[in-house]
Amino acid sequence: MMTRTGGSATVKAEFVWGDGAMDSVSVCGAWDDWKPVPLACEGENMWSVVTVVPAGTYEYRFLVDGEWRFSSRHPTVGEAPDLNNIRVFQAASPSVQQRKAVEEAHATAHGPETKEGCACCTIS
């Protein structure tokens, strides 16, 4: 099941698997037709990845050493043995996006320090 709640906005999402693996972990989700995205081993049985996901609510699972697994550390939907994790990915609000754009414009024009009364530093 997949429900899209946002248009074309995207979100950087981190996925973490900490329940052990021998060789490989990938995350697969409804946002891209369940294509595997490999996680990197961070040591101590911790695996992670940051990837871009369209805003919306999606089911996902982990592919651990070739076997489908869900994480008991995150919300699930469905019934055993077909449980999937589920997560809402929300895009930043327009005000946050606008503030980031202003900060980037300011840094390009003036460097990291805020300039009082600067036209590029004022959000109207």
N, C-alpha and C. Protein backbone atom coordinates (compact mmCIF):
# COMPACT_ATOMS: atom_id res chain seq x y z
N MET A 1 0.84 -1.18 0.00
CA MET A 1 0.00 0.00 0.00
C MET A 1 0.88 1.24 0.00
N MET A 2 0.49 2.23 -0.75
CA MET A 2 1.25 3.47 -0.78
C MET A 2 0.27 4.62 -0.90
N THR A 3 0.48 5.65 -0.10
CA THR A 3 -0.34 6.84 -0.20
C THR A 3 0.57 8.02 -0.40
N ARG A 4 0.39 8.75 -1.48
CA ARG A 4 1.18 9.95 -1.71
C ARG A 4 0.45 11.12 -1.08
N THR A 5 1.17 11.87 -0.25
CA THR A 5 0.54 13.02 0.39
C THR A 5 1.15 14.33 -0.08
N GLY A 6 2.20 14.26 -0.86
CA GLY A 6 2.86 15.47 -1.34
C GLY A 6 3.07 15.38 -2.83
N GLY A 7 3.22 16.52 -3.48
CA GLY A 7 3.42 16.55 -4.92
C GLY A 7 4.79 16.03 -5.29
N SER A 8 5.60 16.89 -5.88
CA SER A 8 6.92 16.47 -6.33
C SER A 8 8.01 16.80 -5.31
N ALA A 9 7.64 17.26 -4.12
CA ALA A 9 8.63 17.57 -3.10
C ALA A 9 9.36 16.30 -2.67
N THR A 10 10.63 16.44 -2.33
CA THR A 10 11.41 15.30 -1.87
C THR A 10 11.97 15.58 -0.49
N VAL A 11 12.35 14.52 0.19
CA VAL A 11 12.84 14.58 1.56
C VAL A 11 14.09 13.73 1.65
N LYS A 12 15.12 14.21 2.34
CA LYS A 12 16.27 13.37 2.66
C LYS A 12 15.88 12.51 3.86
N ALA A 13 15.98 11.20 3.69
CA ALA A 13 15.55 10.28 4.74
C ALA A 13 16.68 9.35 5.13
N GLU A 14 16.86 9.16 6.42
CA GLU A 14 17.86 8.21 6.90
C GLU A 14 17.17 6.92 7.33
N PHE A 15 17.72 5.81 6.90
CA PHE A 15 17.25 4.50 7.31
C PHE A 15 18.39 3.82 8.05
N VAL A 16 18.06 3.18 9.16
CA VAL A 16 19.06 2.52 9.99
C VAL A 16 18.58 1.11 10.31
N TRP A 17 19.49 0.14 10.17
CA TRP A 17 19.22 -1.24 10.55
C TRP A 17 20.23 -1.61 11.63
N GLY A 18 19.74 -2.03 12.79
CA GLY A 18 20.64 -2.37 13.89
C GLY A 18 20.38 -3.75 14.46
N ASP A 19 19.75 -4.61 13.68
CA ASP A 19 19.38 -5.92 14.20
C ASP A 19 20.23 -7.04 13.62
N GLY A 20 21.46 -6.72 13.24
CA GLY A 20 22.41 -7.73 12.78
C GLY A 20 22.28 -8.08 11.31
N ALA A 21 23.43 -8.32 10.71
CA ALA A 21 23.52 -8.77 9.32
C ALA A 21 24.94 -9.28 9.10
N MET A 22 25.06 -10.24 8.21
CA MET A 22 26.38 -10.79 7.90
C MET A 22 27.06 -10.03 6.78
N ASP A 23 26.34 -9.83 5.65
CA ASP A 23 26.99 -9.29 4.46
C ASP A 23 26.36 -8.04 3.88
N SER A 24 25.03 -7.95 3.91
CA SER A 24 24.41 -6.83 3.20
C SER A 24 23.04 -6.48 3.78
N VAL A 25 22.72 -5.18 3.70
CA VAL A 25 21.40 -4.68 4.07
C VAL A 25 21.01 -3.63 3.04
N SER A 26 19.77 -3.71 2.57
CA SER A 26 19.20 -2.70 1.68
C SER A 26 17.83 -2.34 2.22
N VAL A 27 17.38 -1.14 1.90
CA VAL A 27 16.01 -0.75 2.21
C VAL A 27 15.25 -0.71 0.88
N CYS A 28 14.03 -1.20 0.88
CA CYS A 28 13.19 -1.23 -0.31
C CYS A 28 11.83 -0.67 0.07
N GLY A 29 11.31 0.24 -0.76
CA GLY A 29 10.04 0.84 -0.40
C GLY A 29 9.15 1.16 -1.58
N ALA A 30 7.91 1.47 -1.25
CA ALA A 30 6.91 1.74 -2.27
C ALA A 30 7.19 3.03 -3.04
N TRP A 31 8.03 3.91 -2.51
CA TRP A 31 8.31 5.18 -3.19
C TRP A 31 9.02 4.99 -4.52
N ASP A 32 9.71 3.86 -4.72
CA ASP A 32 10.41 3.63 -5.99
C ASP A 32 10.21 2.20 -6.50
N ASP A 33 9.02 1.68 -6.28
CA ASP A 33 8.67 0.33 -6.73
C ASP A 33 9.55 -0.76 -6.12
N TRP A 34 9.95 -0.56 -4.87
CA TRP A 34 10.66 -1.57 -4.08
C TRP A 34 12.06 -1.89 -4.62
N LYS A 35 12.71 -0.91 -5.22
CA LYS A 35 14.10 -1.11 -5.68
C LYS A 35 15.04 -1.02 -4.47
N PRO A 36 15.97 -1.96 -4.34
CA PRO A 36 16.87 -1.95 -3.19
C PRO A 36 17.83 -0.76 -3.19
N VAL A 37 17.96 -0.13 -2.03
CA VAL A 37 18.94 0.93 -1.81
C VAL A 37 19.90 0.40 -0.74
N PRO A 38 21.17 0.15 -1.09
CA PRO A 38 22.10 -0.45 -0.13
C PRO A 38 22.42 0.47 1.05
N LEU A 39 22.51 -0.14 2.23
CA LEU A 39 22.96 0.56 3.43
C LEU A 39 24.44 0.26 3.63
N ALA A 40 25.16 1.18 4.24
CA ALA A 40 26.59 1.00 4.53
C ALA A 40 26.75 0.50 5.96
N CYS A 41 27.67 -0.42 6.15
CA CYS A 41 27.94 -0.94 7.49
C CYS A 41 28.74 0.11 8.27
N GLU A 42 28.19 0.50 9.41
CA GLU A 42 28.84 1.51 10.26
C GLU A 42 29.61 0.84 11.39
N GLY A 43 29.61 -0.48 11.43
CA GLY A 43 30.26 -1.23 12.51
C GLY A 43 29.27 -1.59 13.59
N GLU A 44 29.65 -2.55 14.44
CA GLU A 44 28.81 -2.97 15.57
C GLU A 44 27.39 -3.34 15.14
N ASN A 45 27.23 -3.98 14.00
CA ASN A 45 25.92 -4.40 13.48
C ASN A 45 24.99 -3.24 13.14
N MET A 46 25.53 -2.05 12.93
CA MET A 46 24.72 -0.90 12.54
C MET A 46 24.94 -0.61 11.07
N TRP A 47 23.85 -0.46 10.33
CA TRP A 47 23.87 -0.16 8.91
C TRP A 47 23.01 1.06 8.69
N SER A 48 23.41 1.94 7.76
CA SER A 48 22.60 3.13 7.51
C SER A 48 22.79 3.67 6.10
N VAL A 49 21.82 4.48 5.69
CA VAL A 49 21.88 5.18 4.41
C VAL A 49 21.01 6.42 4.52
N VAL A 50 21.42 7.46 3.82
CA VAL A 50 20.57 8.64 3.63
C VAL A 50 20.24 8.67 2.15
N THR A 51 18.97 8.73 1.83
CA THR A 51 18.52 8.72 0.44
C THR A 51 17.39 9.72 0.28
N VAL A 52 17.08 10.06 -0.95
CA VAL A 52 16.01 11.01 -1.23
C VAL A 52 14.73 10.23 -1.53
N VAL A 53 13.64 10.65 -0.87
CA VAL A 53 12.34 10.00 -0.99
C VAL A 53 11.30 11.07 -1.30
N PRO A 54 10.37 10.80 -2.20
CA PRO A 54 9.29 11.78 -2.41
C PRO A 54 8.45 11.92 -1.14
N ALA A 55 7.99 13.13 -0.87
CA ALA A 55 7.14 13.34 0.30
C ALA A 55 5.91 12.46 0.18
N GLY A 56 5.48 11.89 1.29
CA GLY A 56 4.30 11.03 1.30
C GLY A 56 4.40 9.98 2.39
N THR A 57 3.46 9.06 2.42
CA THR A 57 3.44 7.97 3.38
C THR A 57 3.69 6.68 2.61
N TYR A 58 4.70 5.93 3.05
CA TYR A 58 5.11 4.75 2.30
C TYR A 58 5.40 3.56 3.22
N GLU A 59 5.14 2.38 2.69
CA GLU A 59 5.57 1.15 3.34
C GLU A 59 6.97 0.81 2.83
N TYR A 60 7.73 0.13 3.68
CA TYR A 60 9.08 -0.29 3.29
C TYR A 60 9.48 -1.51 4.12
N ARG A 61 10.52 -2.19 3.65
CA ARG A 61 11.11 -3.33 4.34
C ARG A 61 12.61 -3.29 4.11
N PHE A 62 13.30 -4.12 4.86
CA PHE A 62 14.74 -4.27 4.68
C PHE A 62 15.03 -5.62 4.05
N LEU A 63 16.02 -5.64 3.19
CA LEU A 63 16.52 -6.87 2.59
C LEU A 63 17.85 -7.16 3.27
N VAL A 64 17.86 -8.12 4.17
CA VAL A 64 19.02 -8.42 5.02
C VAL A 64 19.58 -9.78 4.63
N ASP A 65 20.78 -9.75 4.11
CA ASP A 65 21.44 -10.98 3.66
C ASP A 65 20.51 -11.82 2.79
N GLY A 66 19.77 -11.14 1.90
CA GLY A 66 18.92 -11.82 0.94
C GLY A 66 17.53 -12.18 1.45
N GLU A 67 17.21 -11.85 2.70
CA GLU A 67 15.91 -12.18 3.27
C GLU A 67 15.14 -10.91 3.61
N TRP A 68 13.82 -10.89 3.29
CA TRP A 68 12.97 -9.75 3.63
C TRP A 68 12.78 -9.71 5.14
N ARG A 69 13.00 -8.52 5.72
CA ARG A 69 12.81 -8.34 7.16
C ARG A 69 12.14 -6.99 7.40
N PHE A 70 11.40 -6.88 8.47
CA PHE A 70 10.88 -5.59 8.92
C PHE A 70 11.59 -5.25 10.22
N SER A 71 11.60 -3.99 10.57
CA SER A 71 12.24 -3.56 11.81
C SER A 71 11.20 -3.47 12.92
N SER A 72 11.47 -4.14 14.02
CA SER A 72 10.57 -4.07 15.18
C SER A 72 10.73 -2.75 15.91
N ARG A 73 11.70 -1.94 15.50
CA ARG A 73 11.96 -0.65 16.14
C ARG A 73 11.12 0.49 15.54
N HIS A 74 10.39 0.20 14.47
CA HIS A 74 9.62 1.23 13.77
C HIS A 74 8.18 0.75 13.57
N PRO A 75 7.24 1.68 13.36
CA PRO A 75 5.84 1.29 13.16
C PRO A 75 5.67 0.33 11.99
N THR A 76 4.69 -0.58 12.14
CA THR A 76 4.42 -1.56 11.10
C THR A 76 2.95 -1.53 10.70
N VAL A 77 2.68 -2.07 9.53
CA VAL A 77 1.32 -2.27 9.05
C VAL A 77 1.23 -3.68 8.48
N GLY A 78 0.01 -4.21 8.40
CA GLY A 78 -0.19 -5.54 7.87
C GLY A 78 -0.26 -6.56 8.98
N GLU A 79 -0.26 -7.82 8.57
CA GLU A 79 -0.32 -8.93 9.52
C GLU A 79 0.80 -9.90 9.22
N ALA A 80 1.31 -10.54 10.28
CA ALA A 80 2.39 -11.50 10.13
C ALA A 80 1.93 -12.61 9.18
N PRO A 81 2.74 -13.09 8.30
CA PRO A 81 4.16 -12.79 8.13
C PRO A 81 4.44 -11.66 7.15
N ASP A 82 3.42 -10.91 6.78
CA ASP A 82 3.58 -9.89 5.75
C ASP A 82 3.64 -8.47 6.33
N LEU A 83 4.29 -8.30 7.46
CA LEU A 83 4.42 -6.97 8.06
C LEU A 83 5.40 -6.11 7.27
N ASN A 84 5.06 -4.86 7.08
CA ASN A 84 5.95 -3.86 6.51
C ASN A 84 6.08 -2.72 7.50
N ASN A 85 7.20 -2.03 7.44
CA ASN A 85 7.32 -0.78 8.19
C ASN A 85 6.59 0.30 7.42
N ILE A 86 6.18 1.35 8.10
CA ILE A 86 5.51 2.47 7.46
C ILE A 86 6.06 3.77 8.03
N ARG A 87 6.17 4.77 7.16
CA ARG A 87 6.75 6.05 7.60
C ARG A 87 6.18 7.18 6.76
N VAL A 88 5.99 8.31 7.42
CA VAL A 88 5.54 9.53 6.75
C VAL A 88 6.77 10.40 6.50
N PHE A 89 6.95 10.81 5.27
CA PHE A 89 8.06 11.68 4.89
C PHE A 89 7.47 13.04 4.53
N GLN A 90 7.76 14.05 5.34
CA GLN A 90 7.19 15.38 5.13
C GLN A 90 8.25 16.33 4.60
N ALA A 91 7.88 17.05 3.55
CA ALA A 91 8.76 18.07 3.00
C ALA A 91 8.80 19.25 3.98
N ALA A 92 9.88 19.98 3.94
CA ALA A 92 10.00 21.16 4.78
C ALA A 92 8.92 22.16 4.41
N SER A 93 8.43 22.86 5.41
CA SER A 93 7.41 23.87 5.14
C SER A 93 8.00 24.98 4.27
N PRO A 94 7.16 25.70 3.52
CA PRO A 94 7.68 26.76 2.66
C PRO A 94 8.52 27.78 3.42
N SER A 95 8.16 28.07 4.66
CA SER A 95 8.93 29.06 5.42
C SER A 95 10.35 28.56 5.69
N VAL A 96 10.50 27.26 5.96
CA VAL A 96 11.84 26.70 6.18
C VAL A 96 12.62 26.72 4.88
N GLN A 97 11.97 26.32 3.78
CA GLN A 97 12.64 26.34 2.48
C GLN A 97 13.03 27.77 2.12
N GLN A 98 12.15 28.71 2.39
CA GLN A 98 12.44 30.11 2.07
C GLN A 98 13.62 30.61 2.91
N ARG A 99 13.63 30.28 4.19
CA ARG A 99 14.73 30.72 5.06
C ARG A 99 16.06 30.15 4.58
N LYS A 100 16.08 28.88 4.16
CA LYS A 100 17.31 28.27 3.65
C LYS A 100 17.79 28.99 2.40
N ALA A 101 16.86 29.34 1.51
CA ALA A 101 17.23 30.05 0.29
C ALA A 101 17.82 31.41 0.62
N VAL A 102 17.23 32.10 1.61
CA VAL A 102 17.74 33.41 2.03
C VAL A 102 19.13 33.26 2.63
N GLU A 103 19.32 32.27 3.48
CA GLU A 103 20.63 32.05 4.10
C GLU A 103 21.69 31.75 3.04
N GLU A 104 21.34 30.95 2.03
CA GLU A 104 22.29 30.64 0.96
C GLU A 104 22.62 31.89 0.15
N ALA A 105 21.61 32.70 -0.14
CA ALA A 105 21.85 33.94 -0.89
C ALA A 105 22.74 34.87 -0.08
N HIS A 106 22.49 34.96 1.21
CA HIS A 106 23.30 35.82 2.07
C HIS A 106 24.75 35.33 2.11
N ALA A 107 24.94 34.04 2.31
CA ALA A 107 26.30 33.49 2.38
C ALA A 107 27.06 33.74 1.08
N THR A 108 26.37 33.64 -0.05
CA THR A 108 27.00 33.91 -1.34
C THR A 108 27.40 35.38 -1.45
N ALA A 109 26.54 36.26 -0.96
CA ALA A 109 26.80 37.70 -1.09
C ALA A 109 27.75 38.24 -0.04
N HIS A 110 27.64 37.74 1.21
CA HIS A 110 28.37 38.38 2.31
C HIS A 110 29.21 37.46 3.17
N GLY A 111 29.13 36.18 3.01
CA GLY A 111 29.81 35.27 3.92
C GLY A 111 28.86 34.90 5.05
N PRO A 112 29.38 34.25 6.09
CA PRO A 112 28.51 33.68 7.12
C PRO A 112 27.89 34.67 8.10
N GLU A 113 28.39 35.89 8.22
CA GLU A 113 27.85 36.83 9.21
C GLU A 113 26.60 37.53 8.71
N THR A 114 25.59 37.70 9.59
CA THR A 114 24.36 38.39 9.24
C THR A 114 24.61 39.87 9.16
N LYS A 115 24.04 40.50 8.16
CA LYS A 115 24.15 41.95 7.97
C LYS A 115 22.80 42.57 8.29
N GLU A 116 22.71 43.37 9.35
CA GLU A 116 21.47 44.04 9.72
C GLU A 116 21.00 44.93 8.58
N GLY A 117 19.72 44.82 8.22
CA GLY A 117 19.15 45.67 7.20
C GLY A 117 19.51 45.25 5.78
N CYS A 118 20.20 44.16 5.62
CA CYS A 118 20.59 43.69 4.29
C CYS A 118 19.36 43.21 3.54
N ALA A 119 19.18 43.61 2.31
CA ALA A 119 18.00 43.24 1.53
C ALA A 119 17.90 41.73 1.33
N CYS A 120 19.02 41.06 1.16
CA CYS A 120 18.94 39.61 0.93
C CYS A 120 18.72 38.84 2.23
N CYS A 121 18.84 39.50 3.38
CA CYS A 121 18.67 38.83 4.66
C CYS A 121 17.27 39.05 5.24
N THR A 122 16.41 39.77 4.53
CA THR A 122 15.09 40.09 5.03
C THR A 122 14.05 39.19 4.34
N ILE A 123 13.28 38.50 5.17
CA ILE A 123 12.19 37.66 4.65
C ILE A 123 10.92 38.48 4.78
N SER A 124 10.26 38.70 3.64
CA SER A 124 9.03 39.48 3.71
C SER A 124 7.81 38.59 3.72
